[in-house]
Amino acid sequence: MAAFKRLPAHSTKKKDSITLAQLDCLVRDNASASVSLMNIRTVTAALLAFATFLRFDELISLRASDIFFNKDNYINIFIESSKTDQYRDRAWMPVAKSGKPTYPVIMLRRYFFMTGFDWTMAVFVP
């Protein structure tokens, strides 16, 4: 019977989750006043993906017009299509306000200001 057991071709290794402390370190190291636009884009993408549980495909398909800034300093993000959206209902995803440096709205506003964004462009072009 032991011969019938299937052996995996290679062992599987699960990816480690990113922690809030790692994000805090990322913001502290890569978001100073004299940092490049590429670093701001990377930090903004990481914070936004972490705060909204976005997958990479959902993140790169975001357009600036899908992001709605509210006057209370929080945002709503419109997700056009998602891997988990079986019925293609589309969804609005709110990002709540926090006073922490890992709050993605502050970095997103900074990123938009630095780029002079056209509201029809993709936000994170790989």
N, C-alpha and C. Protein backbone atom coordinates (compact mmCIF):
# COMPACT_ATOMS: atom_id res chain seq x y z
N MET A 1 0.81 -1.20 0.00
CA MET A 1 0.00 0.00 0.00
C MET A 1 0.85 1.26 0.00
N ALA A 2 2.01 1.22 0.58
CA ALA A 2 2.86 2.40 0.64
C ALA A 2 3.30 2.85 -0.75
N ALA A 3 3.36 1.91 -1.69
CA ALA A 3 3.78 2.26 -3.05
C ALA A 3 2.74 3.11 -3.76
N PHE A 4 1.49 3.02 -3.32
CA PHE A 4 0.42 3.78 -3.97
C PHE A 4 0.35 5.23 -3.50
N LYS A 5 1.01 5.55 -2.44
CA LYS A 5 0.99 6.93 -1.94
C LYS A 5 1.77 7.82 -2.89
N ARG A 6 1.21 8.93 -3.15
CA ARG A 6 1.84 9.87 -4.06
C ARG A 6 2.79 10.80 -3.33
N LEU A 7 3.97 10.92 -3.84
CA LEU A 7 4.94 11.82 -3.23
C LEU A 7 4.95 13.14 -4.01
N PRO A 8 4.97 14.25 -3.31
CA PRO A 8 5.00 15.53 -4.03
C PRO A 8 6.34 15.70 -4.75
N ALA A 9 6.29 16.40 -5.87
CA ALA A 9 7.50 16.63 -6.65
C ALA A 9 8.48 17.52 -5.89
N HIS A 10 7.96 18.45 -5.16
CA HIS A 10 8.80 19.32 -4.33
C HIS A 10 7.99 19.74 -3.11
N SER A 11 8.68 20.11 -2.09
CA SER A 11 7.97 20.53 -0.88
C SER A 11 7.41 21.93 -1.07
N THR A 12 6.28 22.17 -0.50
CA THR A 12 5.66 23.48 -0.61
C THR A 12 6.11 24.35 0.55
N LYS A 13 6.38 25.59 0.25
CA LYS A 13 6.78 26.54 1.28
C LYS A 13 5.83 27.72 1.24
N LYS A 14 5.12 27.92 2.31
CA LYS A 14 4.18 29.03 2.36
C LYS A 14 4.92 30.35 2.53
N LYS A 15 4.37 31.38 1.91
CA LYS A 15 4.97 32.71 2.02
C LYS A 15 4.66 33.30 3.38
N ASP A 16 5.59 34.04 3.88
CA ASP A 16 5.37 34.74 5.15
C ASP A 16 4.49 35.95 4.93
N SER A 17 3.63 36.21 5.87
CA SER A 17 2.77 37.39 5.80
C SER A 17 3.58 38.62 6.16
N ILE A 18 3.20 39.73 5.57
CA ILE A 18 3.84 40.99 5.93
C ILE A 18 3.16 41.51 7.19
N THR A 19 3.94 42.07 8.07
CA THR A 19 3.40 42.56 9.34
C THR A 19 3.32 44.08 9.32
N LEU A 20 2.58 44.60 10.26
CA LEU A 20 2.45 46.04 10.39
C LEU A 20 3.79 46.68 10.75
N ALA A 21 4.59 45.98 11.53
CA ALA A 21 5.92 46.50 11.89
C ALA A 21 6.81 46.62 10.65
N GLN A 22 6.71 45.66 9.74
CA GLN A 22 7.48 45.73 8.50
C GLN A 22 7.02 46.90 7.63
N LEU A 23 5.71 47.12 7.57
CA LEU A 23 5.19 48.27 6.82
C LEU A 23 5.63 49.58 7.44
N ASP A 24 5.62 49.63 8.76
CA ASP A 24 6.06 50.82 9.46
C ASP A 24 7.53 51.12 9.14
N CYS A 25 8.34 50.10 9.11
CA CYS A 25 9.76 50.25 8.76
C CYS A 25 9.91 50.69 7.30
N LEU A 26 9.08 50.15 6.41
CA LEU A 26 9.11 50.53 5.00
C LEU A 26 8.79 52.00 4.81
N VAL A 27 7.79 52.48 5.53
CA VAL A 27 7.40 53.89 5.45
C VAL A 27 8.51 54.77 6.03
N ARG A 28 9.05 54.38 7.16
CA ARG A 28 10.09 55.18 7.80
C ARG A 28 11.35 55.29 6.92
N ASP A 29 11.71 54.18 6.26
CA ASP A 29 12.94 54.17 5.47
C ASP A 29 12.79 54.75 4.06
N ASN A 30 11.59 54.68 3.49
CA ASN A 30 11.41 55.04 2.07
C ASN A 30 10.42 56.15 1.81
N ALA A 31 10.05 56.90 2.80
CA ALA A 31 9.06 57.95 2.56
C ALA A 31 9.49 59.29 3.12
N SER A 32 10.78 59.54 3.16
CA SER A 32 11.25 60.84 3.64
C SER A 32 11.00 61.91 2.58
N ALA A 33 11.29 63.12 2.91
CA ALA A 33 11.02 64.24 1.99
C ALA A 33 11.89 64.19 0.74
N SER A 34 13.07 63.61 0.82
CA SER A 34 13.99 63.63 -0.32
C SER A 34 14.02 62.32 -1.09
N VAL A 35 13.01 61.53 -0.97
CA VAL A 35 12.99 60.22 -1.63
C VAL A 35 12.44 60.33 -3.05
N SER A 36 12.77 59.37 -3.89
CA SER A 36 12.36 59.41 -5.29
C SER A 36 10.88 59.03 -5.47
N LEU A 37 10.36 59.38 -6.62
CA LEU A 37 8.97 59.07 -6.94
C LEU A 37 8.74 57.56 -7.00
N MET A 38 9.72 56.80 -7.46
CA MET A 38 9.60 55.35 -7.53
C MET A 38 9.43 54.73 -6.14
N ASN A 39 10.17 55.26 -5.17
CA ASN A 39 10.01 54.76 -3.80
C ASN A 39 8.64 55.10 -3.23
N ILE A 40 8.17 56.31 -3.50
CA ILE A 40 6.83 56.71 -3.03
C ILE A 40 5.77 55.81 -3.65
N ARG A 41 5.91 55.50 -4.94
CA ARG A 41 4.96 54.61 -5.62
C ARG A 41 4.96 53.23 -4.99
N THR A 42 6.12 52.69 -4.69
CA THR A 42 6.22 51.36 -4.10
C THR A 42 5.61 51.32 -2.71
N VAL A 43 5.92 52.31 -1.90
CA VAL A 43 5.36 52.37 -0.55
C VAL A 43 3.85 52.54 -0.60
N THR A 44 3.36 53.41 -1.49
CA THR A 44 1.92 53.63 -1.63
C THR A 44 1.21 52.36 -2.06
N ALA A 45 1.76 51.64 -3.01
CA ALA A 45 1.15 50.39 -3.47
C ALA A 45 1.12 49.36 -2.36
N ALA A 46 2.20 49.25 -1.60
CA ALA A 46 2.25 48.28 -0.50
C ALA A 46 1.22 48.62 0.58
N LEU A 47 1.13 49.89 0.95
CA LEU A 47 0.17 50.30 1.98
C LEU A 47 -1.27 50.10 1.52
N LEU A 48 -1.55 50.46 0.28
CA LEU A 48 -2.91 50.32 -0.24
C LEU A 48 -3.31 48.86 -0.36
N ALA A 49 -2.41 48.03 -0.84
CA ALA A 49 -2.71 46.60 -0.97
C ALA A 49 -2.91 45.96 0.40
N PHE A 50 -2.12 46.36 1.38
CA PHE A 50 -2.24 45.82 2.73
C PHE A 50 -3.56 46.26 3.38
N ALA A 51 -3.90 47.53 3.24
CA ALA A 51 -5.09 48.06 3.90
C ALA A 51 -6.39 47.53 3.29
N THR A 52 -6.37 47.21 2.00
CA THR A 52 -7.60 46.80 1.32
C THR A 52 -7.62 45.34 0.89
N PHE A 53 -6.56 44.59 1.21
CA PHE A 53 -6.44 43.18 0.84
C PHE A 53 -6.51 42.98 -0.68
N LEU A 54 -5.94 43.89 -1.42
CA LEU A 54 -5.97 43.78 -2.88
C LEU A 54 -4.90 42.82 -3.37
N ARG A 55 -5.24 42.06 -4.38
CA ARG A 55 -4.25 41.23 -5.08
C ARG A 55 -3.51 42.12 -6.07
N PHE A 56 -2.40 41.60 -6.58
CA PHE A 56 -1.57 42.38 -7.50
C PHE A 56 -2.36 42.80 -8.74
N ASP A 57 -3.13 41.89 -9.33
CA ASP A 57 -3.90 42.22 -10.54
C ASP A 57 -4.93 43.31 -10.28
N GLU A 58 -5.54 43.28 -9.10
CA GLU A 58 -6.51 44.31 -8.75
C GLU A 58 -5.81 45.65 -8.53
N LEU A 59 -4.63 45.61 -7.95
CA LEU A 59 -3.89 46.82 -7.67
C LEU A 59 -3.43 47.52 -8.95
N ILE A 60 -2.89 46.77 -9.90
CA ILE A 60 -2.40 47.42 -11.11
C ILE A 60 -3.52 47.82 -12.07
N SER A 61 -4.72 47.28 -11.87
CA SER A 61 -5.82 47.68 -12.74
C SER A 61 -6.57 48.91 -12.20
N LEU A 62 -6.18 49.42 -11.02
CA LEU A 62 -6.82 50.62 -10.48
C LEU A 62 -6.53 51.83 -11.36
N ARG A 63 -7.53 52.64 -11.56
CA ARG A 63 -7.38 53.91 -12.24
C ARG A 63 -7.59 55.01 -11.19
N ALA A 64 -7.04 56.15 -11.45
CA ALA A 64 -7.19 57.25 -10.50
C ALA A 64 -8.66 57.62 -10.32
N SER A 65 -9.46 57.43 -11.36
CA SER A 65 -10.89 57.75 -11.27
C SER A 65 -11.65 56.73 -10.41
N ASP A 66 -11.02 55.62 -10.05
CA ASP A 66 -11.65 54.62 -9.18
C ASP A 66 -11.47 54.96 -7.70
N ILE A 67 -10.71 56.00 -7.42
CA ILE A 67 -10.42 56.38 -6.04
C ILE A 67 -11.16 57.67 -5.72
N PHE A 68 -12.00 57.61 -4.70
CA PHE A 68 -12.82 58.76 -4.30
C PHE A 68 -12.35 59.23 -2.92
N PHE A 69 -11.81 60.45 -2.87
CA PHE A 69 -11.37 61.04 -1.61
C PHE A 69 -12.55 61.72 -0.93
N ASN A 70 -12.84 61.34 0.29
CA ASN A 70 -13.91 61.97 1.06
C ASN A 70 -13.33 63.12 1.89
N LYS A 71 -14.18 64.02 2.27
CA LYS A 71 -13.71 65.19 3.02
C LYS A 71 -13.23 64.84 4.42
N ASP A 72 -13.63 63.69 4.94
CA ASP A 72 -13.22 63.26 6.28
C ASP A 72 -11.89 62.53 6.27
N ASN A 73 -11.13 62.64 5.17
CA ASN A 73 -9.79 62.08 5.03
C ASN A 73 -9.79 60.54 5.02
N TYR A 74 -10.80 59.95 4.42
CA TYR A 74 -10.77 58.53 4.12
C TYR A 74 -11.13 58.37 2.65
N ILE A 75 -10.91 57.20 2.10
CA ILE A 75 -11.16 57.00 0.68
C ILE A 75 -12.05 55.80 0.45
N ASN A 76 -12.73 55.82 -0.68
CA ASN A 76 -13.45 54.66 -1.21
C ASN A 76 -12.79 54.28 -2.52
N ILE A 77 -12.54 53.00 -2.70
CA ILE A 77 -11.91 52.52 -3.92
C ILE A 77 -12.90 51.62 -4.63
N PHE A 78 -13.10 51.89 -5.91
CA PHE A 78 -14.01 51.08 -6.72
C PHE A 78 -13.20 49.97 -7.38
N ILE A 79 -13.57 48.73 -7.07
CA ILE A 79 -12.90 47.56 -7.65
C ILE A 79 -13.78 47.05 -8.79
N GLU A 80 -13.28 47.21 -10.01
CA GLU A 80 -14.04 46.83 -11.21
C GLU A 80 -14.22 45.32 -11.29
N SER A 81 -13.15 44.59 -11.15
CA SER A 81 -13.25 43.13 -11.19
C SER A 81 -12.24 42.53 -10.23
N SER A 82 -12.62 41.41 -9.67
CA SER A 82 -11.79 40.75 -8.68
C SER A 82 -11.87 39.24 -8.88
N LYS A 83 -10.84 38.56 -8.48
CA LYS A 83 -10.83 37.10 -8.57
C LYS A 83 -11.91 36.50 -7.67
N THR A 84 -12.20 37.14 -6.56
CA THR A 84 -13.19 36.62 -5.62
C THR A 84 -14.60 37.11 -5.90
N ASP A 85 -14.78 37.94 -6.89
CA ASP A 85 -16.11 38.47 -7.25
C ASP A 85 -16.74 37.56 -8.30
N GLN A 86 -17.34 36.47 -7.85
CA GLN A 86 -17.86 35.46 -8.77
C GLN A 86 -19.01 35.97 -9.62
N TYR A 87 -19.83 36.84 -9.06
CA TYR A 87 -21.01 37.32 -9.78
C TYR A 87 -20.77 38.64 -10.51
N ARG A 88 -19.53 39.11 -10.49
CA ARG A 88 -19.15 40.37 -11.16
C ARG A 88 -20.02 41.54 -10.70
N ASP A 89 -20.23 41.60 -9.39
CA ASP A 89 -21.04 42.67 -8.82
C ASP A 89 -20.27 43.98 -8.69
N ARG A 90 -18.97 43.92 -8.74
CA ARG A 90 -18.10 45.06 -8.49
C ARG A 90 -18.29 45.51 -7.04
N ALA A 91 -17.38 46.27 -6.54
CA ALA A 91 -17.47 46.62 -5.12
C ALA A 91 -16.76 47.93 -4.82
N TRP A 92 -17.28 48.64 -3.83
CA TRP A 92 -16.61 49.79 -3.25
C TRP A 92 -15.91 49.32 -1.99
N MET A 93 -14.66 49.68 -1.86
CA MET A 93 -13.89 49.26 -0.71
C MET A 93 -13.44 50.50 0.07
N PRO A 94 -13.95 50.70 1.29
CA PRO A 94 -13.54 51.87 2.06
C PRO A 94 -12.21 51.63 2.76
N VAL A 95 -11.44 52.70 2.90
CA VAL A 95 -10.21 52.67 3.69
C VAL A 95 -10.42 53.66 4.82
N ALA A 96 -10.54 53.14 6.04
CA ALA A 96 -10.86 53.97 7.19
C ALA A 96 -9.68 54.82 7.62
N LYS A 97 -9.99 55.90 8.30
CA LYS A 97 -8.99 56.86 8.75
C LYS A 97 -8.24 56.31 9.96
N SER A 98 -6.94 56.54 9.98
CA SER A 98 -6.13 56.22 11.16
C SER A 98 -5.03 57.27 11.26
N GLY A 99 -4.49 57.42 12.43
CA GLY A 99 -3.44 58.40 12.63
C GLY A 99 -2.05 57.82 12.52
N LYS A 100 -1.93 56.60 12.02
CA LYS A 100 -0.63 55.93 11.95
C LYS A 100 0.10 56.28 10.66
N PRO A 101 1.42 56.14 10.65
CA PRO A 101 2.17 56.42 9.42
C PRO A 101 1.88 55.43 8.30
N THR A 102 1.28 54.31 8.63
CA THR A 102 0.95 53.31 7.61
C THR A 102 -0.41 53.55 6.97
N TYR A 103 -1.04 54.67 7.28
CA TYR A 103 -2.33 55.03 6.68
C TYR A 103 -2.09 55.38 5.22
N PRO A 104 -2.68 54.65 4.27
CA PRO A 104 -2.33 54.81 2.85
C PRO A 104 -2.82 56.09 2.19
N VAL A 105 -3.80 56.76 2.76
CA VAL A 105 -4.37 57.95 2.10
C VAL A 105 -3.36 59.08 2.03
N ILE A 106 -2.58 59.27 3.08
CA ILE A 106 -1.58 60.33 3.09
C ILE A 106 -0.54 60.09 2.00
N MET A 107 -0.08 58.85 1.88
CA MET A 107 0.90 58.51 0.84
C MET A 107 0.29 58.61 -0.55
N LEU A 108 -0.97 58.24 -0.68
CA LEU A 108 -1.64 58.31 -1.98
C LEU A 108 -1.79 59.77 -2.43
N ARG A 109 -2.16 60.64 -1.52
CA ARG A 109 -2.24 62.07 -1.86
C ARG A 109 -0.87 62.62 -2.25
N ARG A 110 0.15 62.21 -1.53
CA ARG A 110 1.52 62.65 -1.85
C ARG A 110 1.95 62.14 -3.22
N TYR A 111 1.63 60.89 -3.51
CA TYR A 111 1.97 60.30 -4.80
C TYR A 111 1.26 61.02 -5.94
N PHE A 112 -0.04 61.31 -5.77
CA PHE A 112 -0.78 62.04 -6.80
C PHE A 112 -0.23 63.44 -6.99
N PHE A 113 0.14 64.10 -5.90
CA PHE A 113 0.68 65.46 -5.99
C PHE A 113 2.02 65.46 -6.74
N MET A 114 2.87 64.48 -6.44
CA MET A 114 4.19 64.43 -7.07
C MET A 114 4.12 64.11 -8.56
N THR A 115 3.10 63.36 -8.97
CA THR A 115 3.02 62.95 -10.37
C THR A 115 2.18 63.89 -11.22
N GLY A 116 1.34 64.71 -10.62
CA GLY A 116 0.43 65.56 -11.40
C GLY A 116 -0.51 64.69 -12.21
N PHE A 117 -1.22 63.81 -11.55
CA PHE A 117 -1.98 62.75 -12.18
C PHE A 117 -3.09 63.21 -13.10
N ASP A 118 -3.22 62.48 -14.20
CA ASP A 118 -4.39 62.56 -15.06
C ASP A 118 -5.37 61.52 -14.50
N TRP A 119 -6.61 61.89 -14.26
CA TRP A 119 -7.56 61.01 -13.58
C TRP A 119 -8.00 59.81 -14.41
N THR A 120 -7.59 59.72 -15.65
CA THR A 120 -7.94 58.54 -16.46
C THR A 120 -6.81 57.52 -16.49
N MET A 121 -5.66 57.85 -15.95
CA MET A 121 -4.50 56.96 -16.00
C MET A 121 -4.59 55.86 -14.96
N ALA A 122 -3.85 54.78 -15.22
CA ALA A 122 -3.71 53.73 -14.22
C ALA A 122 -2.83 54.28 -13.10
N VAL A 123 -3.13 53.90 -11.88
CA VAL A 123 -2.42 54.43 -10.73
C VAL A 123 -1.03 53.81 -10.62
N PHE A 124 -0.97 52.49 -10.67
CA PHE A 124 0.31 51.80 -10.51
C PHE A 124 0.63 51.03 -11.78
N VAL A 125 1.37 51.64 -12.64
CA VAL A 125 1.77 50.98 -13.89
C VAL A 125 3.06 50.22 -13.61
N PRO A 126 3.06 48.89 -13.84
CA PRO A 126 4.26 48.13 -13.51
C PRO A 126 5.41 48.46 -14.44
